[in-house]
């Protein structure tokens, strides 16, 4: 099996895209700068160059205090395979496709050298907000986690107000944890927001909330974990699409999805290492239309990363290739074997 560059209208693959649409409002072309695509690497090829890392985090995020990931090398650089541990193999294989694309095809042609980035504020106490914001020098936008289990709407309001005192533009992310009624109540209580990301779980609920409020609604899980990423647009359920490289199958798949969506796009990370983050920054740098800060600053949440993290300067990060350092925080032998076994299963699904 080889990496394919499909032909025909609107075809998409985890390993590449083609685009001959005629809609002048959304079309763009991926510049054909790559050499002929290489053969699909075997699972043994990937494991041979791989490292499994265990990255301690400064603050719990998404319930995680240690982020595990596998990175591996190819002719175009390094790729990352790091689906969250609870994801099944069918979903995780798409993350593997993204890592293979990065290592064996490389990044698409950039349209800009820098990408504006938002600060990311976990569900911390309001008193801890200033310390978090200080990790994102020059940020003018912040994304704040809300609707955390065990916390109240009053906690969310206090956290958002503390952020708003320091950063002019605030967006929040509920990770689908509100009901429709809770979302409507919370949005009213939280005040002026750039948008609310994934207030509820389902597309129908997002559409219901969007009809009831004036604050823009953004979709994340409803796109990246859906068998039909376009359903959000068809249902009129969101004003903004939050797209992530790994869950969509790679940089080119993200660009192809963005080209079809009739809404603003924000590129975000999936708690990536510096290797995975390089693919996210590259995808954002290749988007023809990018109007909002991207969620590509989560490297600041790690105590240690696999390479020099993407440091913000004046609220932006610079596009660059990443190679891991020699001294990595490696996972245990048991966890390394777990990731090797997972990669083999996902690779079998991918090539099968």
Protein backbone atom coordinates (compact mmCIF):
# COMPACT_ATOMS: atom_id res chain seq x y z
CA UNK A 1 0.00 0.00 0.00
CA UNK A 2 1.24 3.49 -0.80
CA UNK A 3 0.26 6.93 0.34
CA UNK A 4 -2.34 8.06 -2.15
CA UNK A 5 -3.13 11.39 -3.75
CA UNK A 6 -6.75 10.74 -4.81
CA UNK A 7 -8.26 12.16 -7.97
CA UNK A 8 -11.70 13.58 -8.63
CA UNK A 9 -13.87 16.04 -6.77
CA UNK A 10 -13.70 16.37 -3.02
CA UNK A 11 -11.79 13.15 -2.49
CA UNK A 12 -9.99 12.85 0.80
CA UNK A 13 -7.56 10.38 2.36
CA UNK A 14 -5.64 10.29 5.62
CA UNK A 15 -2.53 10.56 3.44
CA UNK A 16 -3.40 13.35 1.05
CA UNK A 17 -6.05 15.33 -0.74
CA UNK A 18 -6.90 16.68 -4.12
CA UNK A 19 -9.14 19.63 -4.74
CA UNK A 20 -10.75 20.65 -8.02
CA UNK A 21 -13.89 22.26 -6.60
CA UNK A 22 -15.24 25.28 -8.44
CA UNK A 23 -16.77 27.23 -5.55
CA UNK A 24 -14.73 30.49 -5.52
CA UNK A 25 -15.59 31.16 -1.87
CA UNK A 26 -13.91 28.13 -0.41
CA UNK A 27 -11.52 26.56 -2.88
CA UNK A 28 -7.77 26.36 -2.60
CA UNK A 29 -5.11 24.02 -3.88
CA UNK A 30 -2.48 22.12 -1.99
CA UNK A 31 0.72 22.98 -3.78
CA UNK A 32 2.30 19.88 -5.35
CA UNK A 33 5.74 20.30 -3.79
CA UNK A 34 6.21 16.72 -2.61
CA UNK A 35 8.18 14.02 -4.34
CA UNK A 36 6.26 10.88 -5.34
CA UNK A 37 4.74 9.41 -2.18
CA UNK A 38 6.77 6.72 -0.42
CA UNK A 39 5.60 3.23 0.37
CA UNK A 40 3.54 2.77 3.50
CA UNK A 41 5.94 1.98 6.37
CA UNK A 42 5.41 -1.26 8.22
CA UNK A 43 4.61 -1.37 11.91
CA UNK A 44 8.12 -2.70 12.50
CA UNK A 45 9.57 0.28 10.59
CA UNK A 46 7.70 2.70 12.86
CA UNK A 47 8.53 0.92 16.09
CA UNK A 48 12.23 0.65 15.19
CA UNK A 49 12.69 4.44 15.30
CA UNK A 50 10.08 5.12 17.98
CA UNK A 51 10.26 6.52 21.48
CA UNK A 52 7.42 6.28 23.98
CA UNK A 53 7.44 9.24 26.34
CA UNK A 54 5.69 10.11 29.58
CA UNK A 55 5.34 13.87 30.01
CA UNK A 56 4.38 15.23 33.45
CA UNK A 57 1.95 18.15 33.37
CA UNK A 58 1.96 21.30 35.44
CA UNK A 59 -1.81 21.16 36.03
CA UNK A 60 -4.35 18.42 35.46
CA UNK A 61 -6.02 18.89 32.08
CA UNK A 62 -8.81 16.75 30.72
CA UNK A 63 -8.28 14.63 33.82
CA UNK A 64 -4.69 13.90 32.77
CA UNK A 65 -1.62 14.57 34.90
CA UNK A 66 0.84 12.63 32.72
CA UNK A 67 0.65 12.66 28.91
CA UNK A 68 1.90 9.55 27.15
CA UNK A 69 2.81 9.63 23.46
CA UNK A 70 4.76 7.70 20.86
CA UNK A 71 6.97 9.52 18.37
CA UNK A 72 8.77 8.01 15.38
CA UNK A 73 11.02 9.13 12.54
CA UNK A 74 10.64 9.00 8.77
CA UNK A 75 12.31 10.51 5.71
CA UNK A 76 10.42 13.81 6.11
CA UNK A 77 10.99 14.22 9.86
CA UNK A 78 9.16 13.09 13.00
CA UNK A 79 5.56 12.07 13.56
CA UNK A 80 3.45 11.51 16.65
CA UNK A 81 0.97 8.78 17.60
CA UNK A 82 -0.84 9.80 20.77
CA UNK A 83 -4.56 9.06 20.83
CA UNK A 84 -5.90 9.29 24.36
CA UNK A 85 -5.74 5.94 26.11
CA UNK A 86 -9.51 5.49 26.28
CA UNK A 87 -9.90 5.73 22.48
CA UNK A 88 -10.52 2.45 20.66
CA UNK A 89 -8.33 1.16 17.84
CA UNK A 90 -10.75 2.14 15.07
CA UNK A 91 -10.58 5.79 16.11
CA UNK A 92 -6.90 5.66 17.03
CA UNK A 93 -5.84 4.44 13.58
CA UNK A 94 -6.68 7.90 12.20
CA UNK A 95 -4.20 9.42 14.66
CA UNK A 96 -1.60 6.98 13.37
CA UNK A 97 -2.28 8.11 9.80
CA UNK A 98 -1.56 11.69 10.88
CA UNK A 99 1.76 10.72 12.44
CA UNK A 100 2.81 8.76 9.36
CA UNK A 101 1.92 11.71 7.12
CA UNK A 102 4.14 14.04 9.16
CA UNK A 103 7.11 11.64 9.20
CA UNK A 104 6.87 10.35 5.63
CA UNK A 105 5.24 13.17 3.60
CA UNK A 106 6.05 16.28 5.60
CA UNK A 107 4.12 19.51 5.86
CA UNK A 108 2.14 21.28 3.13
CA UNK A 109 3.42 24.56 1.75
CA UNK A 110 3.00 27.37 4.34
CA UNK A 111 1.25 30.65 3.58
CA UNK A 112 2.56 32.43 6.70
CA UNK A 113 5.55 32.17 9.02
CA UNK A 114 3.73 32.77 12.31
CA UNK A 115 0.42 31.73 13.83
CA UNK A 116 -1.42 33.65 16.54
CA UNK A 117 -2.09 31.44 19.56
CA UNK A 118 -4.45 31.58 22.51
CA UNK A 119 -3.59 30.98 26.14
CA UNK A 120 -5.18 27.84 27.58
CA UNK A 121 -6.55 28.04 31.11
CA UNK A 122 -7.47 24.72 32.79
CA UNK A 123 -10.28 24.49 35.35
CA UNK A 124 -8.17 26.09 38.07
CA UNK A 125 -9.27 28.38 40.88
CA UNK A 126 -9.61 32.04 39.95
CA UNK A 127 -6.67 32.85 42.23
CA UNK A 128 -4.38 30.70 40.05
CA UNK A 129 -5.32 32.29 36.72
CA UNK A 130 -2.58 34.93 36.65
CA UNK A 131 0.13 32.29 37.02
CA UNK A 132 -1.33 30.35 34.06
CA UNK A 133 -1.66 33.43 31.82
CA UNK A 134 1.96 34.38 32.51
CA UNK A 135 3.05 31.27 30.57
CA UNK A 136 1.62 32.79 27.36
CA UNK A 137 3.48 36.07 26.78
CA UNK A 138 1.65 38.49 24.52
CA UNK A 139 -1.51 36.41 24.24
CA UNK A 140 -4.58 38.52 23.50
CA UNK A 141 -6.98 35.55 23.46
CA UNK A 142 -7.54 32.90 26.14
CA UNK A 143 -9.52 29.67 26.08
CA UNK A 144 -10.92 28.77 29.48
CA UNK A 145 -12.06 25.31 30.49
CA UNK A 146 -15.51 25.29 32.09
CA UNK A 147 -18.14 22.71 33.11
CA UNK A 148 -15.57 20.63 34.94
CA UNK A 149 -16.97 17.74 36.98
CA UNK A 150 -17.21 18.65 40.66
CA UNK A 151 -17.23 22.39 40.00
CA UNK A 152 -20.08 24.90 39.86
CA UNK A 153 -21.15 27.62 37.45
CA UNK A 154 -19.98 30.13 40.08
CA UNK A 155 -16.48 28.61 39.81
CA UNK A 156 -16.61 29.05 36.02
CA UNK A 157 -17.79 32.65 36.27
CA UNK A 158 -15.03 33.54 38.74
CA UNK A 159 -12.36 31.89 36.54
CA UNK A 160 -13.59 33.63 33.38
CA UNK A 161 -13.73 37.00 35.12
CA UNK A 162 -10.17 36.54 36.38
CA UNK A 163 -9.02 35.78 32.84
CA UNK A 164 -10.95 38.72 31.40
CA UNK A 165 -9.09 41.03 33.78
CA UNK A 166 -5.83 39.99 32.05
CA UNK A 167 -6.72 39.12 28.45
CA UNK A 168 -9.13 41.08 26.22
CA UNK A 169 -10.65 38.19 24.25
CA UNK A 170 -12.03 35.15 26.07
CA UNK A 171 -13.47 31.92 24.69
CA UNK A 172 -14.64 28.97 26.80
CA UNK A 173 -14.69 25.21 26.25
CA UNK A 174 -17.26 22.99 27.97
CA UNK A 175 -16.21 19.72 26.28
CA UNK A 176 -19.88 18.81 25.80
CA UNK A 177 -20.58 18.66 29.53
CA UNK A 178 -23.70 20.87 29.65
CA UNK A 179 -27.29 20.05 28.85
CA UNK A 180 -29.07 22.52 26.56
CA UNK A 181 -30.69 24.28 29.52
CA UNK A 182 -27.41 24.41 31.46
CA UNK A 183 -25.59 25.80 28.42
CA UNK A 184 -28.09 28.59 27.92
CA UNK A 185 -27.93 29.53 31.61
CA UNK A 186 -24.13 29.40 31.69
CA UNK A 187 -23.64 31.43 28.53
CA UNK A 188 -25.83 34.19 29.98
CA UNK A 189 -23.86 34.14 33.24
CA UNK A 190 -20.40 34.14 31.64
CA UNK A 191 -20.85 37.45 29.83
CA UNK A 192 -19.11 38.61 26.66
CA UNK A 193 -17.32 35.72 24.94
CA UNK A 194 -15.66 35.26 21.55
CA UNK A 195 -17.39 31.89 21.37
CA UNK A 196 -18.42 28.86 23.41
CA UNK A 197 -16.76 25.63 22.30
CA UNK A 198 -18.77 22.39 22.36
CA UNK A 199 -21.31 23.40 25.02
CA UNK A 200 -23.25 20.13 24.54
CA UNK A 201 -22.45 16.69 23.19
CA UNK A 202 -24.67 16.27 20.15
CA UNK A 203 -25.05 18.26 16.95
CA UNK A 204 -28.79 18.66 17.54
CA UNK A 205 -28.12 20.10 21.00
CA UNK A 206 -25.52 22.51 19.59
CA UNK A 207 -28.05 23.72 17.03
CA UNK A 208 -30.67 24.21 19.75
CA UNK A 209 -28.27 26.24 21.90
CA UNK A 210 -27.16 28.30 18.90
CA UNK A 211 -30.76 29.25 18.13
CA UNK A 212 -31.29 30.35 21.74
CA UNK A 213 -28.21 32.55 22.30
CA UNK A 214 -26.39 35.34 20.50
CA UNK A 215 -22.91 34.17 21.53
CA UNK A 216 -21.17 32.26 18.69
CA UNK A 217 -20.96 28.50 19.08
CA UNK A 218 -17.89 26.43 18.14
CA UNK A 219 -17.82 22.70 17.40
CA UNK A 220 -14.89 20.45 18.28
CA UNK A 221 -15.85 16.89 19.22
CA UNK A 222 -18.88 17.08 16.93
CA UNK A 223 -16.46 17.38 14.01
CA UNK A 224 -13.35 15.44 14.98
CA UNK A 225 -15.19 12.43 16.44
CA UNK A 226 -17.97 12.30 13.84
CA UNK A 227 -18.35 9.97 10.88
CA UNK A 228 -19.78 13.00 9.05
CA UNK A 229 -17.73 16.13 9.92
CA UNK A 230 -19.99 18.20 7.66
CA UNK A 231 -23.13 17.48 9.68
CA UNK A 232 -22.41 20.46 11.94
CA UNK A 233 -22.61 22.78 8.94
CA UNK A 234 -25.70 21.08 7.49
CA UNK A 235 -27.50 21.42 10.81
CA UNK A 236 -26.54 25.08 11.32
CA UNK A 237 -25.06 24.01 14.65
CA UNK A 238 -21.92 26.18 14.84
CA UNK A 239 -20.30 29.44 13.81
CA UNK A 240 -16.72 28.22 14.26
CA UNK A 241 -15.05 24.86 13.59
CA UNK A 242 -12.21 23.75 15.89
CA UNK A 243 -10.06 21.35 13.87
CA UNK A 244 -7.22 19.14 15.12
CA UNK A 245 -4.64 17.44 12.94
CA UNK A 246 -4.37 14.01 14.56
CA UNK A 247 -8.08 13.18 14.98
CA UNK A 248 -8.76 14.18 11.36
CA UNK A 249 -5.97 12.04 9.93
CA UNK A 250 -3.31 14.62 9.14
CA UNK A 251 -2.50 18.12 7.98
CA UNK A 252 -3.84 17.64 4.45
CA UNK A 253 -7.07 16.09 5.73
CA UNK A 254 -7.53 19.09 8.02
CA UNK A 255 -7.01 21.52 5.14
CA UNK A 256 -9.48 19.62 2.98
CA UNK A 257 -12.10 19.66 5.75
CA UNK A 258 -11.53 23.37 6.37
CA UNK A 259 -12.03 24.11 2.67
CA UNK A 260 -15.50 22.54 2.74
CA UNK A 261 -16.76 24.16 5.95
CA UNK A 262 -18.70 27.43 5.48
CA UNK A 263 -17.46 28.90 8.76
CA UNK A 264 -14.35 30.22 10.48
CA UNK A 265 -11.75 27.61 11.41
CA UNK A 266 -9.48 27.47 14.45
CA UNK A 267 -6.67 24.89 14.51
CA UNK A 268 -6.12 23.39 17.94
CA UNK A 269 -3.94 20.75 19.54
CA UNK A 270 -4.95 17.47 21.11
CA UNK A 271 -2.54 17.95 24.02
CA UNK A 272 0.27 17.25 21.56
CA UNK A 273 3.97 16.96 22.25
CA UNK A 274 6.23 19.40 20.42
CA UNK A 275 6.40 16.89 17.56
CA UNK A 276 2.63 16.79 17.17
CA UNK A 277 2.41 20.52 17.74
CA UNK A 278 4.67 21.13 14.74
CA UNK A 279 2.05 19.48 12.53
CA UNK A 280 -0.70 21.64 14.02
CA UNK A 281 1.29 24.83 13.49
CA UNK A 282 2.12 23.74 9.93
CA UNK A 283 -1.54 23.10 9.16
CA UNK A 284 -2.56 26.49 10.56
CA UNK A 285 0.23 28.15 8.56
CA UNK A 286 -1.13 26.57 5.37
CA UNK A 287 -4.76 27.66 5.83
CA UNK A 288 -5.75 30.27 3.23
CA UNK A 289 -8.11 32.04 5.64
CA UNK A 290 -7.19 32.23 9.31
CA UNK A 291 -8.94 34.94 11.31
CA UNK A 292 -8.71 33.78 14.92
CA UNK A 293 -6.00 32.73 17.36
CA UNK A 294 -5.33 29.00 17.35
CA UNK A 295 -5.15 26.59 20.28
CA UNK A 296 -1.53 25.67 19.70
CA UNK A 297 0.08 26.77 22.95
CA UNK A 298 -0.62 23.74 25.13
CA UNK A 299 3.08 22.84 25.27
CA UNK A 300 3.25 25.32 28.14
CA UNK A 301 1.24 22.81 30.17
CA UNK A 302 4.07 20.24 30.24
CA UNK A 303 6.82 20.23 32.85
CA UNK A 304 8.97 18.59 30.16
CA UNK A 305 8.40 18.15 26.44
CA UNK A 306 10.13 16.01 23.82
CA UNK A 307 11.84 19.07 22.32
CA UNK A 308 12.02 22.79 22.81
CA UNK A 309 8.35 23.78 23.04
CA UNK A 310 6.72 26.29 20.71
CA UNK A 311 7.36 29.40 22.75
CA UNK A 312 5.01 32.34 22.24
CA UNK A 313 6.47 35.68 21.26
CA UNK A 314 4.02 38.59 21.11
CA UNK A 315 1.14 36.13 21.14
CA UNK A 316 2.35 34.00 18.21
CA UNK A 317 4.44 30.92 17.48
CA UNK A 318 6.78 30.42 14.52
CA UNK A 319 6.53 27.56 12.06
CA UNK A 320 9.46 25.14 12.44
CA UNK A 321 10.49 21.51 12.14
CA UNK A 322 10.94 19.61 15.39
CA UNK A 323 13.31 16.80 16.31
CA UNK A 324 13.31 15.29 19.81
CA UNK A 325 16.13 15.85 22.24
CA UNK A 326 18.46 13.01 23.20
CA UNK A 327 17.40 13.09 26.85
CA UNK A 328 13.71 12.17 26.74
CA UNK A 329 11.36 11.38 29.66
CA UNK A 330 10.80 7.81 28.52
CA UNK A 331 7.86 5.70 29.63
CA UNK A 332 8.33 2.46 31.53
CA UNK A 333 9.06 -0.77 29.69
CA UNK A 334 5.52 -1.97 30.41
CA UNK A 335 3.91 1.19 29.00
CA UNK A 336 6.26 1.15 26.02
CA UNK A 337 5.13 -2.36 25.17
CA UNK A 338 1.49 -1.26 25.54
CA UNK A 339 2.04 1.45 22.93
CA UNK A 340 3.91 -0.91 20.60
CA UNK A 341 1.01 -3.35 20.74
CA UNK A 342 -1.48 -0.54 20.16
CA UNK A 343 0.44 0.75 17.16
CA UNK A 344 0.52 -2.75 15.61
CA UNK A 345 -3.26 -3.12 15.98
CA UNK A 346 -3.98 0.33 14.58
CA UNK A 347 -1.52 -0.17 11.71
CA UNK A 348 -3.27 -3.42 10.76
CA UNK A 349 -6.61 -1.56 10.63
CA UNK A 350 -5.07 1.26 8.64
CA UNK A 351 -3.57 -0.88 5.90
CA UNK A 352 -6.44 -3.35 5.91
